[in-house]
């Protein structure tokens, strides 16, 4: 006597296929109330866009490290682009998030996170500028702005003797 074990995901190849199965009936009874929440999807995409600059901070740091510590055209260009790109992203924050605007939800926190992530990336570039010596961080960098001290006394040497020629 053979016993048949009925499993949850078993297929019966002996049974005829019919379009009125329960699975297809469940799929066709979708109503409009079960439509996806577009406001939630927009907010999720906005958060993805806001955190995207943070995902590139370590890559930016690695690229600046690979550029080297010598002052040459390649290093200057790398540091320049590392400073310009976050600044451009910060100034175009409103246009970048215009597609995610919704009357139901505010994007202020999302935009603030986006700006902070770009400021962190800008901080990596400023640190590289400091290590290259582009920033005036030592007192000797400001020596040209110090006033010249006037001497309190003057010594002119000994007395002058006329020599007969």
N, C-alpha and C. Protein backbone atom coordinates (compact mmCIF):
# COMPACT_ATOMS: atom_id res chain seq x y z
N UNK A 1 0.83 -1.16 0.00
CA UNK A 1 0.00 0.00 0.00
C UNK A 1 0.89 1.25 0.00
N UNK A 2 0.68 2.09 -0.96
CA UNK A 2 1.48 3.31 -1.06
C UNK A 2 0.68 4.48 -0.52
N UNK A 3 1.37 5.29 0.22
CA UNK A 3 0.71 6.49 0.74
C UNK A 3 1.26 7.70 0.01
N UNK A 4 0.40 8.57 -0.32
CA UNK A 4 0.80 9.79 -1.02
C UNK A 4 0.91 10.90 0.01
N UNK A 5 2.07 11.55 0.03
CA UNK A 5 2.28 12.66 0.94
C UNK A 5 1.93 13.94 0.19
N UNK A 6 1.00 14.67 0.72
CA UNK A 6 0.58 15.91 0.08
C UNK A 6 1.46 17.04 0.62
N UNK A 7 2.17 17.68 -0.25
CA UNK A 7 3.06 18.77 0.13
C UNK A 7 2.46 20.09 -0.28
N UNK A 8 2.96 21.14 0.33
CA UNK A 8 2.41 22.46 0.08
C UNK A 8 2.66 22.91 -1.36
N UNK A 9 3.83 22.64 -1.90
CA UNK A 9 4.19 23.11 -3.24
C UNK A 9 4.32 21.95 -4.21
N UNK A 10 3.44 21.01 -4.14
CA UNK A 10 3.49 19.85 -5.03
C UNK A 10 2.65 20.11 -6.28
N UNK A 11 3.11 19.59 -7.38
CA UNK A 11 2.38 19.70 -8.64
C UNK A 11 1.75 18.35 -8.97
N UNK A 12 0.55 18.41 -9.43
CA UNK A 12 -0.13 17.20 -9.87
C UNK A 12 -0.23 17.28 -11.39
N UNK A 13 0.62 16.52 -12.08
CA UNK A 13 0.66 16.58 -13.54
C UNK A 13 -0.49 15.80 -14.18
N UNK A 14 -1.23 15.07 -13.40
CA UNK A 14 -2.36 14.30 -13.94
C UNK A 14 -3.62 15.14 -14.03
N UNK A 15 -3.65 16.28 -13.32
CA UNK A 15 -4.85 17.11 -13.30
C UNK A 15 -4.83 18.05 -14.50
N UNK A 16 -5.98 18.33 -15.06
CA UNK A 16 -6.11 19.22 -16.19
C UNK A 16 -5.93 20.66 -15.74
N UNK A 17 -5.38 21.48 -16.61
CA UNK A 17 -5.17 22.89 -16.32
C UNK A 17 -6.46 23.64 -16.60
N UNK A 18 -6.86 24.49 -15.70
CA UNK A 18 -8.05 25.30 -15.95
C UNK A 18 -7.75 26.74 -15.55
N UNK A 19 -8.35 27.67 -16.27
CA UNK A 19 -8.11 29.09 -16.02
C UNK A 19 -8.84 29.58 -14.79
N UNK A 20 -9.73 28.81 -14.28
CA UNK A 20 -10.50 29.26 -13.12
C UNK A 20 -9.89 28.75 -11.81
N UNK A 21 -8.60 28.59 -11.79
CA UNK A 21 -7.96 28.14 -10.57
C UNK A 21 -7.99 29.26 -9.54
N UNK A 22 -7.73 28.93 -8.31
CA UNK A 22 -7.83 29.92 -7.23
C UNK A 22 -6.72 30.96 -7.33
N UNK A 23 -5.55 30.57 -7.80
CA UNK A 23 -4.44 31.53 -7.89
C UNK A 23 -4.75 32.60 -8.92
N UNK A 24 -5.28 32.21 -10.07
CA UNK A 24 -5.59 33.20 -11.08
C UNK A 24 -6.78 34.05 -10.65
N UNK A 25 -7.68 33.49 -9.88
CA UNK A 25 -8.82 34.26 -9.39
C UNK A 25 -8.35 35.32 -8.41
N UNK A 26 -7.37 35.00 -7.61
CA UNK A 26 -6.84 35.98 -6.66
C UNK A 26 -6.16 37.13 -7.38
N UNK A 27 -5.49 36.82 -8.48
CA UNK A 27 -4.78 37.86 -9.21
C UNK A 27 -5.74 38.79 -9.94
N UNK A 28 -6.85 38.31 -10.38
CA UNK A 28 -7.76 39.14 -11.15
C UNK A 28 -8.66 40.00 -10.28
N UNK A 29 -8.73 39.75 -8.99
CA UNK A 29 -9.59 40.51 -8.10
C UNK A 29 -8.88 41.69 -7.44
N UNK A 30 -7.91 42.28 -8.11
CA UNK A 30 -7.20 43.44 -7.57
C UNK A 30 -8.07 44.67 -7.78
N UNK A 31 -8.28 45.41 -6.72
CA UNK A 31 -9.09 46.61 -6.82
C UNK A 31 -8.21 47.84 -6.87
N UNK A 32 -8.82 48.98 -7.13
CA UNK A 32 -8.05 50.21 -7.22
C UNK A 32 -7.55 50.67 -5.87
N UNK A 33 -8.17 50.22 -4.79
CA UNK A 33 -7.71 50.62 -3.46
C UNK A 33 -6.36 49.99 -3.11
N UNK A 34 -5.99 48.93 -3.80
CA UNK A 34 -4.71 48.28 -3.55
C UNK A 34 -3.61 48.82 -4.46
N UNK A 35 -3.84 49.94 -5.11
CA UNK A 35 -2.83 50.55 -5.97
C UNK A 35 -1.64 50.98 -5.12
N UNK A 36 -0.45 50.99 -5.68
CA UNK A 36 0.73 51.34 -4.88
C UNK A 36 0.66 52.80 -4.42
N UNK A 37 1.20 53.05 -3.23
CA UNK A 37 1.23 54.38 -2.64
C UNK A 37 2.35 55.18 -3.31
N UNK A 38 2.00 56.09 -4.20
CA UNK A 38 3.01 56.85 -4.93
C UNK A 38 3.75 57.82 -4.02
N UNK A 39 3.08 58.33 -3.00
CA UNK A 39 3.74 59.24 -2.07
C UNK A 39 4.86 58.53 -1.31
N UNK A 40 4.58 57.30 -0.90
CA UNK A 40 5.60 56.51 -0.20
C UNK A 40 6.77 56.15 -1.11
N UNK A 41 6.45 55.82 -2.37
CA UNK A 41 7.52 55.50 -3.32
C UNK A 41 8.39 56.71 -3.62
N UNK A 42 7.75 57.88 -3.74
CA UNK A 42 8.52 59.10 -3.98
C UNK A 42 9.44 59.40 -2.81
N UNK A 43 8.92 59.21 -1.60
CA UNK A 43 9.73 59.48 -0.42
C UNK A 43 10.91 58.50 -0.32
N UNK A 44 10.66 57.25 -0.68
CA UNK A 44 11.75 56.26 -0.65
C UNK A 44 12.84 56.62 -1.66
N UNK A 45 12.44 57.03 -2.84
CA UNK A 45 13.41 57.43 -3.86
C UNK A 45 14.15 58.71 -3.45
N UNK A 46 13.43 59.61 -2.77
CA UNK A 46 14.07 60.84 -2.30
C UNK A 46 15.13 60.51 -1.25
N UNK A 47 14.84 59.57 -0.34
CA UNK A 47 15.84 59.17 0.65
C UNK A 47 17.03 58.48 -0.01
N UNK A 48 16.76 57.69 -1.03
CA UNK A 48 17.86 57.05 -1.76
C UNK A 48 18.77 58.09 -2.40
N UNK A 49 18.15 59.14 -2.96
CA UNK A 49 18.94 60.20 -3.58
C UNK A 49 19.69 61.02 -2.54
N UNK A 50 19.08 61.20 -1.36
CA UNK A 50 19.71 62.00 -0.30
C UNK A 50 20.93 61.30 0.29
N UNK A 51 20.88 59.99 0.38
CA UNK A 51 22.00 59.26 0.97
C UNK A 51 23.04 58.82 -0.05
N UNK A 52 22.79 59.05 -1.32
CA UNK A 52 23.74 58.63 -2.37
C UNK A 52 25.11 59.31 -2.23
N UNK A 53 25.20 60.61 -1.91
CA UNK A 53 26.54 61.20 -1.76
C UNK A 53 27.32 60.58 -0.61
N UNK A 54 26.64 60.11 0.41
CA UNK A 54 27.33 59.48 1.54
C UNK A 54 27.97 58.16 1.17
N UNK A 55 27.39 57.49 0.18
CA UNK A 55 27.95 56.22 -0.27
C UNK A 55 29.23 56.42 -1.06
N UNK A 56 29.45 57.63 -1.55
CA UNK A 56 30.65 57.89 -2.34
C UNK A 56 31.77 58.58 -1.59
N UNK A 57 31.60 58.81 -0.29
CA UNK A 57 32.63 59.53 0.47
C UNK A 57 33.93 58.73 0.52
N UNK A 58 33.84 57.45 0.82
CA UNK A 58 35.05 56.64 0.92
C UNK A 58 35.72 56.47 -0.44
N UNK A 59 34.93 56.38 -1.50
CA UNK A 59 35.51 56.30 -2.83
C UNK A 59 36.23 57.60 -3.18
N UNK A 60 35.64 58.72 -2.81
CA UNK A 60 36.28 60.01 -3.06
C UNK A 60 37.58 60.12 -2.28
N UNK A 61 37.56 59.70 -1.02
CA UNK A 61 38.78 59.72 -0.22
C UNK A 61 39.86 58.81 -0.80
N UNK A 62 39.46 57.64 -1.28
CA UNK A 62 40.42 56.73 -1.88
C UNK A 62 41.01 57.31 -3.16
N UNK A 63 40.18 57.94 -3.96
CA UNK A 63 40.68 58.56 -5.20
C UNK A 63 41.65 59.70 -4.90
N UNK A 64 41.35 60.49 -3.88
CA UNK A 64 42.26 61.57 -3.51
C UNK A 64 43.56 61.02 -2.93
N UNK A 65 43.48 59.92 -2.22
CA UNK A 65 44.69 59.29 -1.70
C UNK A 65 45.54 58.74 -2.85
N UNK A 66 44.88 58.15 -3.84
CA UNK A 66 45.60 57.62 -4.99
C UNK A 66 46.21 58.72 -5.84
N UNK A 67 45.69 59.94 -5.75
CA UNK A 67 46.24 61.05 -6.52
C UNK A 67 47.64 61.42 -6.04
N UNK A 68 47.96 61.07 -4.82
CA UNK A 68 49.30 61.31 -4.30
C UNK A 68 49.40 62.58 -3.49
N UNK A 69 50.60 62.79 -2.95
CA UNK A 69 50.82 63.96 -2.10
C UNK A 69 51.69 65.01 -2.77
N UNK A 70 52.07 64.76 -4.00
CA UNK A 70 52.85 65.75 -4.73
C UNK A 70 51.95 66.78 -5.38
N UNK A 71 52.46 67.99 -5.51
CA UNK A 71 51.67 69.04 -6.14
C UNK A 71 51.97 69.01 -7.64
N UNK A 72 51.05 68.46 -8.40
CA UNK A 72 51.17 68.42 -9.85
C UNK A 72 49.78 68.63 -10.47
N UNK A 73 49.69 68.68 -11.76
CA UNK A 73 48.45 69.03 -12.43
C UNK A 73 47.36 67.99 -12.17
N UNK A 74 47.73 66.72 -12.10
CA UNK A 74 46.75 65.67 -11.87
C UNK A 74 46.13 65.80 -10.48
N UNK A 75 46.95 66.03 -9.48
CA UNK A 75 46.46 66.17 -8.12
C UNK A 75 45.59 67.42 -7.98
N UNK A 76 46.01 68.51 -8.61
CA UNK A 76 45.24 69.75 -8.52
C UNK A 76 43.88 69.56 -9.19
N UNK A 77 43.84 68.87 -10.32
CA UNK A 77 42.57 68.62 -10.99
C UNK A 77 41.67 67.73 -10.16
N UNK A 78 42.22 66.70 -9.55
CA UNK A 78 41.42 65.80 -8.71
C UNK A 78 40.82 66.55 -7.53
N UNK A 79 41.63 67.38 -6.88
CA UNK A 79 41.14 68.15 -5.73
C UNK A 79 40.11 69.18 -6.20
N UNK A 80 40.35 69.78 -7.34
CA UNK A 80 39.40 70.76 -7.88
C UNK A 80 38.04 70.14 -8.15
N UNK A 81 38.02 68.99 -8.81
CA UNK A 81 36.75 68.33 -9.08
C UNK A 81 36.10 67.82 -7.79
N UNK A 82 36.93 67.39 -6.83
CA UNK A 82 36.38 66.93 -5.56
C UNK A 82 35.73 68.07 -4.78
N UNK A 83 36.14 69.31 -5.05
CA UNK A 83 35.52 70.45 -4.38
C UNK A 83 34.35 71.01 -5.19
N UNK A 84 34.43 70.99 -6.50
CA UNK A 84 33.39 71.60 -7.33
C UNK A 84 32.13 70.75 -7.36
N UNK A 85 32.26 69.43 -7.47
CA UNK A 85 31.08 68.58 -7.60
C UNK A 85 30.14 68.65 -6.40
N UNK A 86 30.61 68.58 -5.14
CA UNK A 86 29.67 68.74 -4.03
C UNK A 86 29.06 70.13 -3.96
N UNK A 87 29.82 71.15 -4.33
CA UNK A 87 29.26 72.50 -4.32
C UNK A 87 28.15 72.64 -5.35
N UNK A 88 28.36 72.08 -6.54
CA UNK A 88 27.30 72.12 -7.56
C UNK A 88 26.07 71.36 -7.09
N UNK A 89 26.27 70.23 -6.42
CA UNK A 89 25.14 69.45 -5.92
C UNK A 89 24.39 70.20 -4.83
N UNK A 90 25.10 70.91 -3.97
CA UNK A 90 24.45 71.68 -2.91
C UNK A 90 23.62 72.80 -3.51
N UNK A 91 24.16 73.51 -4.49
CA UNK A 91 23.44 74.63 -5.08
C UNK A 91 22.26 74.19 -5.96
N UNK A 92 22.26 72.94 -6.39
CA UNK A 92 21.14 72.45 -7.20
C UNK A 92 20.24 71.48 -6.42
N UNK A 93 20.18 71.65 -5.12
CA UNK A 93 19.38 70.75 -4.28
C UNK A 93 17.90 70.82 -4.63
N UNK A 94 17.36 72.02 -4.78
CA UNK A 94 15.92 72.15 -5.06
C UNK A 94 15.55 71.55 -6.41
N UNK A 95 16.39 71.74 -7.41
CA UNK A 95 16.07 71.16 -8.72
C UNK A 95 16.23 69.64 -8.71
N UNK A 96 17.14 69.13 -7.90
CA UNK A 96 17.33 67.68 -7.84
C UNK A 96 16.13 66.99 -7.19
N UNK A 97 15.51 67.66 -6.22
CA UNK A 97 14.39 67.05 -5.50
C UNK A 97 13.02 67.52 -6.00
N UNK A 98 13.00 68.26 -7.09
CA UNK A 98 11.72 68.77 -7.62
C UNK A 98 10.80 67.63 -8.04
N UNK A 99 11.35 66.55 -8.57
CA UNK A 99 10.53 65.44 -9.02
C UNK A 99 9.90 64.65 -7.87
N UNK A 100 10.41 64.84 -6.64
CA UNK A 100 9.89 64.10 -5.50
C UNK A 100 8.93 64.93 -4.64
N UNK A 101 8.65 66.17 -5.04
CA UNK A 101 7.78 67.02 -4.24
C UNK A 101 6.38 66.45 -4.20
N UNK A 102 5.78 66.56 -3.02
CA UNK A 102 4.44 66.05 -2.81
C UNK A 102 3.76 66.95 -1.78
N UNK A 103 2.48 67.15 -1.94
CA UNK A 103 1.75 68.02 -1.01
C UNK A 103 1.59 67.37 0.36
N UNK A 104 1.66 66.05 0.42
CA UNK A 104 1.44 65.34 1.67
C UNK A 104 2.66 65.35 2.60
N UNK A 105 3.85 65.34 2.03
CA UNK A 105 5.07 65.18 2.84
C UNK A 105 6.07 66.28 2.54
N UNK A 106 6.80 66.64 3.59
CA UNK A 106 7.83 67.66 3.45
C UNK A 106 9.17 66.99 3.14
N UNK A 107 9.94 67.64 2.29
CA UNK A 107 11.25 67.10 1.93
C UNK A 107 12.39 67.83 2.64
N UNK A 108 12.08 68.60 3.68
CA UNK A 108 13.12 69.39 4.34
C UNK A 108 14.21 68.50 4.93
N UNK A 109 13.85 67.45 5.67
CA UNK A 109 14.86 66.60 6.28
C UNK A 109 15.67 65.85 5.22
N UNK A 110 15.01 65.46 4.15
CA UNK A 110 15.71 64.75 3.07
C UNK A 110 16.74 65.68 2.43
N UNK A 111 16.34 66.92 2.18
CA UNK A 111 17.26 67.89 1.58
C UNK A 111 18.40 68.22 2.54
N UNK A 112 18.10 68.29 3.84
CA UNK A 112 19.15 68.57 4.83
C UNK A 112 20.18 67.45 4.87
N UNK A 113 19.73 66.21 4.81
CA UNK A 113 20.67 65.07 4.78
C UNK A 113 21.50 65.11 3.51
N UNK A 114 20.88 65.45 2.39
CA UNK A 114 21.60 65.56 1.11
C UNK A 114 22.71 66.61 1.20
N UNK A 115 22.38 67.77 1.78
CA UNK A 115 23.38 68.84 1.91
C UNK A 115 24.48 68.41 2.88
N UNK A 116 24.12 67.75 3.98
CA UNK A 116 25.15 67.32 4.94
C UNK A 116 26.08 66.27 4.33
N UNK A 117 25.56 65.36 3.55
CA UNK A 117 26.41 64.36 2.90
C UNK A 117 27.36 65.02 1.92
N UNK A 118 26.89 66.01 1.19
CA UNK A 118 27.77 66.73 0.26
C UNK A 118 28.80 67.57 1.01
N UNK A 119 28.43 68.10 2.17
CA UNK A 119 29.40 68.84 2.97
C UNK A 119 30.48 67.91 3.52
N UNK A 120 30.12 66.69 3.86
CA UNK A 120 31.14 65.71 4.28
C UNK A 120 32.10 65.40 3.14
N UNK A 121 31.57 65.24 1.94
CA UNK A 121 32.42 65.00 0.78
C UNK A 121 33.32 66.20 0.52
N UNK A 122 32.79 67.40 0.70
CA UNK A 122 33.58 68.61 0.55
C UNK A 122 34.66 68.67 1.63
N UNK A 123 34.34 68.19 2.82
CA UNK A 123 35.33 68.15 3.89
C UNK A 123 36.51 67.24 3.57
N UNK A 124 36.26 66.15 2.88
CA UNK A 124 37.35 65.26 2.46
C UNK A 124 38.27 66.01 1.50
N UNK A 125 37.69 66.79 0.59
CA UNK A 125 38.50 67.55 -0.37
C UNK A 125 39.27 68.67 0.33
N UNK A 126 38.67 69.31 1.31
CA UNK A 126 39.37 70.37 2.05
C UNK A 126 40.51 69.78 2.87
N UNK A 127 40.32 68.58 3.43
CA UNK A 127 41.40 67.91 4.15
C UNK A 127 42.57 67.61 3.21
N UNK A 128 42.26 67.19 2.00
CA UNK A 128 43.33 66.93 1.02
C UNK A 128 44.06 68.22 0.68
N UNK A 129 43.32 69.33 0.56
CA UNK A 129 43.97 70.63 0.32
C UNK A 129 44.91 70.98 1.46
N UNK A 130 44.49 70.69 2.68
CA UNK A 130 45.34 71.00 3.84
C UNK A 130 46.60 70.13 3.85
N UNK A 131 46.46 68.85 3.47
CA UNK A 131 47.65 67.99 3.46
C UNK A 131 48.61 68.36 2.33
N UNK A 132 48.08 68.92 1.25
CA UNK A 132 48.94 69.35 0.14
C UNK A 132 49.61 70.69 0.41
N UNK A 133 49.12 71.42 1.42
CA UNK A 133 49.70 72.72 1.73
C UNK A 133 49.04 73.87 1.00
N UNK A 134 47.84 73.63 0.45
CA UNK A 134 47.13 74.70 -0.26
C UNK A 134 46.44 75.66 0.70
N UNK A 135 46.18 75.24 1.91
CA UNK A 135 45.49 76.08 2.89
C UNK A 135 46.50 76.69 3.85
N UNK A 136 46.33 77.96 4.18
CA UNK A 136 47.26 78.60 5.12
C UNK A 136 46.94 78.21 6.56
N UNK A 137 47.59 77.16 7.04
CA UNK A 137 47.29 76.65 8.37
C UNK A 137 48.43 76.84 9.37
N UNK A 138 49.59 77.28 8.92
CA UNK A 138 50.71 77.48 9.84
C UNK A 138 50.98 78.98 10.00
N UNK A 139 51.62 79.39 11.10
CA UNK A 139 51.91 80.81 11.29
C UNK A 139 52.82 81.40 10.21
N UNK A 140 53.68 80.58 9.64
CA UNK A 140 54.58 81.10 8.61
C UNK A 140 53.84 81.45 7.33
N UNK A 141 52.63 80.94 7.15
CA UNK A 141 51.85 81.30 5.98
C UNK A 141 51.33 82.73 6.07
N UNK A 142 51.27 83.29 7.27
CA UNK A 142 50.71 84.61 7.49
C UNK A 142 51.79 85.66 7.79
N UNK A 143 53.06 85.32 7.61
CA UNK A 143 54.15 86.22 8.00
C UNK A 143 54.19 87.50 7.17
N UNK A 144 53.70 87.45 5.96
CA UNK A 144 53.72 88.65 5.12
C UNK A 144 52.73 89.71 5.61
N UNK A 145 51.77 89.30 6.42
CA UNK A 145 50.79 90.25 6.95
C UNK A 145 51.20 90.85 8.29
N UNK A 146 52.30 90.38 8.87
CA UNK A 146 52.77 90.94 10.14
C UNK A 146 53.48 92.28 9.88
N UNK A 147 53.29 93.25 10.78
CA UNK A 147 53.97 94.53 10.57
C UNK A 147 55.48 94.39 10.84
N UNK A 148 56.23 95.18 10.12
CA UNK A 148 57.68 95.17 10.31
C UNK A 148 57.98 95.98 11.57
N UNK A 149 58.75 95.39 12.48
CA UNK A 149 59.08 96.08 13.73
C UNK A 149 60.16 97.13 13.47
N UNK A 150 59.93 98.31 14.03
CA UNK A 150 60.91 99.38 13.92
C UNK A 150 61.93 99.22 15.05
N UNK A 151 63.21 99.35 14.74
CA UNK A 151 64.23 99.18 15.80
C UNK A 151 64.16 100.33 16.79
N UNK A 152 64.45 100.02 18.06
CA UNK A 152 64.42 101.03 19.11
C UNK A 152 65.69 101.88 19.12
N UNK A 153 66.80 101.33 18.72
CA UNK A 153 68.05 102.09 18.64
C UNK A 153 68.81 101.69 17.39
N UNK A 154 69.75 102.53 17.04
CA UNK A 154 70.50 102.31 15.82
C UNK A 154 71.97 102.46 16.12
N UNK A 155 72.75 101.57 15.62
CA UNK A 155 74.20 101.63 15.80
C UNK A 155 74.82 101.85 14.44
N UNK A 156 75.61 102.89 14.33
CA UNK A 156 76.20 103.23 13.04
C UNK A 156 77.66 102.89 12.93
N UNK A 157 78.26 102.37 13.93
CA UNK A 157 79.67 102.03 13.86
C UNK A 157 80.54 103.03 14.59
N UNK A 158 81.82 103.02 14.32
CA UNK A 158 82.77 103.90 15.01
C UNK A 158 82.83 105.27 14.38
N UNK A 159 83.80 106.00 14.81
CA UNK A 159 83.97 107.36 14.27
C UNK A 159 84.73 107.29 12.94
N UNK A 160 84.54 108.32 12.15
CA UNK A 160 85.13 108.36 10.81
C UNK A 160 86.45 109.17 10.91
N UNK A 161 87.57 108.60 10.45
CA UNK A 161 88.85 109.28 10.44
C UNK A 161 89.18 109.68 9.02
N UNK A 162 89.51 110.91 8.86
CA UNK A 162 89.92 111.31 7.51
C UNK A 162 91.31 110.74 7.19
N UNK A 163 91.39 110.14 6.04
CA UNK A 163 92.67 109.60 5.61
C UNK A 163 93.30 110.55 4.62
N UNK A 164 94.55 110.75 4.81
CA UNK A 164 95.28 111.63 3.88
C UNK A 164 95.72 110.82 2.70
N UNK A 165 95.45 111.38 1.62
CA UNK A 165 95.84 110.68 0.41
C UNK A 165 97.10 111.27 -0.15
